[in-house]
Protein backbone atom coordinates (compact mmCIF):
# COMPACT_ATOMS: atom_id res chain seq x y z
CA MET A 1 42.68 -174.39 -65.10
CA LYS A 2 46.08 -172.89 -65.71
CA ARG A 3 48.01 -171.45 -62.85
CA PHE A 4 49.54 -168.02 -63.05
CA LYS A 5 53.02 -169.46 -62.59
CA ASP A 6 52.60 -171.68 -65.68
CA ILE A 7 51.37 -168.80 -67.79
CA ARG A 8 54.19 -166.52 -66.62
CA ASN A 9 56.89 -169.06 -67.43
CA LYS A 10 55.56 -169.89 -70.91
CA THR A 11 57.52 -168.21 -73.67
CA TYR A 12 55.76 -166.55 -76.56
CA THR A 13 57.15 -165.99 -80.00
CA VAL A 14 56.35 -162.66 -81.54
CA PHE A 15 55.91 -162.67 -85.30
CA GLU A 16 56.59 -159.33 -86.88
CA GLU A 17 55.77 -158.74 -90.53
CA THR A 18 57.88 -156.51 -92.66
CA ASP A 19 56.25 -153.76 -94.71
CA ALA A 20 56.82 -155.75 -97.90
CA GLN A 21 55.06 -158.80 -96.41
CA ARG A 22 52.10 -156.67 -95.30
CA LYS A 23 51.79 -155.07 -98.73
CA ALA A 24 51.93 -158.46 -100.46
CA LYS A 25 49.31 -159.85 -98.08
CA PHE A 26 47.06 -156.83 -98.69
CA ALA A 27 47.44 -157.03 -102.47
CA SER A 28 46.62 -160.74 -102.52
CA GLY A 29 43.38 -160.11 -100.66
CA ALA A 30 44.22 -162.14 -97.57
CA ALA A 31 44.00 -159.06 -95.35
CA GLY A 32 40.67 -157.80 -96.67
CA GLY A 33 42.21 -155.61 -99.35
CA PRO A 34 40.63 -154.51 -102.62
CA ASN A 35 41.18 -157.96 -104.16
CA SER A 36 39.68 -159.79 -101.22
CA SER A 37 37.08 -162.44 -101.99
CA SER A 38 34.99 -161.19 -99.06
CA LYS A 39 34.75 -157.78 -100.76
CA ARG A 40 33.74 -159.35 -104.05
CA LYS A 41 31.02 -161.41 -102.38
CA LYS A 42 29.38 -158.31 -100.85
CA MET A 43 28.21 -157.03 -104.23
CA ASP A 44 25.15 -154.77 -103.99
CA GLU A 45 24.07 -155.29 -107.57
CA ALA A 46 24.45 -158.37 -109.68
CA PRO A 47 24.40 -158.78 -113.46
CA LEU A 48 20.84 -158.57 -114.70
CA VAL A 49 19.06 -160.39 -117.53
CA MET A 50 15.71 -158.94 -118.66
CA SER A 51 13.83 -158.28 -121.83
CA ASP A 52 15.13 -155.45 -123.99
CA MET A 53 12.42 -152.96 -123.09
CA ASP A 54 12.70 -153.74 -119.37
CA ILE A 55 16.40 -152.92 -119.52
CA VAL A 56 15.57 -149.61 -121.23
CA LYS A 57 12.99 -148.86 -118.52
CA SER A 58 15.49 -149.63 -115.75
CA LEU A 59 18.11 -147.37 -117.35
CA THR A 60 15.73 -144.45 -117.81
CA GLN A 61 14.39 -144.93 -114.27
CA LYS A 62 17.94 -144.74 -112.88
CA ILE A 63 18.66 -141.58 -114.87
CA GLU A 64 15.37 -140.04 -113.71
CA ASP A 65 16.12 -140.90 -110.08
CA ASP A 66 19.59 -139.33 -110.32
CA LEU A 67 18.22 -136.14 -111.87
CA HIS A 68 15.45 -135.98 -109.27
CA LYS A 69 18.01 -136.22 -106.46
CA LEU A 70 19.95 -133.35 -108.01
CA LYS A 71 16.75 -131.29 -108.33
CA ILE A 72 15.91 -131.85 -104.65
CA ARG A 73 19.44 -130.79 -103.62
CA LYS A 74 19.11 -127.71 -105.89
CA GLN A 75 22.08 -128.89 -107.97
CA PHE A 76 20.18 -129.60 -111.19
CA GLU A 77 22.84 -127.79 -113.23
CA LYS A 78 25.17 -130.76 -112.65
CA GLY A 79 22.73 -132.98 -114.53
CA TRP A 80 21.96 -130.50 -117.30
CA SER A 81 24.44 -132.10 -119.71
CA THR A 82 22.65 -135.42 -119.22
CA VAL A 83 19.31 -133.78 -120.05
CA GLN A 84 20.77 -132.24 -123.20
CA ALA A 85 22.27 -135.58 -124.29
CA LEU A 86 18.93 -137.35 -123.77
CA ALA A 87 17.11 -134.64 -125.72
CA LYS A 88 19.58 -134.98 -128.57
CA LEU A 89 19.02 -138.76 -128.66
CA ALA A 90 15.29 -138.13 -128.91
CA GLY A 91 15.70 -135.55 -131.69
CA TYR A 92 15.08 -132.43 -129.58
CA LYS A 93 17.00 -129.56 -128.09
CA VAL A 94 16.35 -128.04 -124.68
CA THR A 95 17.08 -124.63 -123.27
CA LYS A 96 16.46 -122.68 -120.10
CA THR A 97 17.02 -119.22 -121.57
CA ALA A 98 14.08 -116.80 -121.24
CA GLN A 99 12.08 -119.33 -119.21
CA GLN A 100 10.60 -119.12 -115.74
CA LYS A 101 12.54 -120.56 -112.85
CA GLY A 102 12.29 -124.35 -112.89
CA LYS A 103 10.99 -124.47 -116.49
CA THR A 104 12.67 -125.82 -119.63
CA PHE A 105 11.84 -125.19 -123.28
CA ARG A 106 12.02 -128.16 -125.70
CA TYR A 107 12.01 -127.79 -129.47
CA ASP A 108 12.66 -129.98 -132.51
CA ILE A 109 16.06 -130.10 -134.14
CA LYS A 110 15.94 -128.58 -137.63
CA LYS A 111 17.29 -130.96 -140.23
């Protein structure tokens, strides 16, 4: 066990980093910055390989979940452009004019 006298007499060197050294360390990822390998390893979602139709299902499920969250928070208007884009892809148009609250009218696009 070390005695207090030995600890008191021991000299310590203090290493002070300059701002430039800290920034370089942060940018390289050594300090847990945005380029850090520890950040890259904590990926929530990984690349996914599935059949074509399963990918389509996962995409539409994600869009549906996002729109449902907006509907629950009563912010469905933020997702309205997404609904219109999906309707256009399917060959329809959608409108909320002259409809009851919470209802949408869908009709075919005239060609």
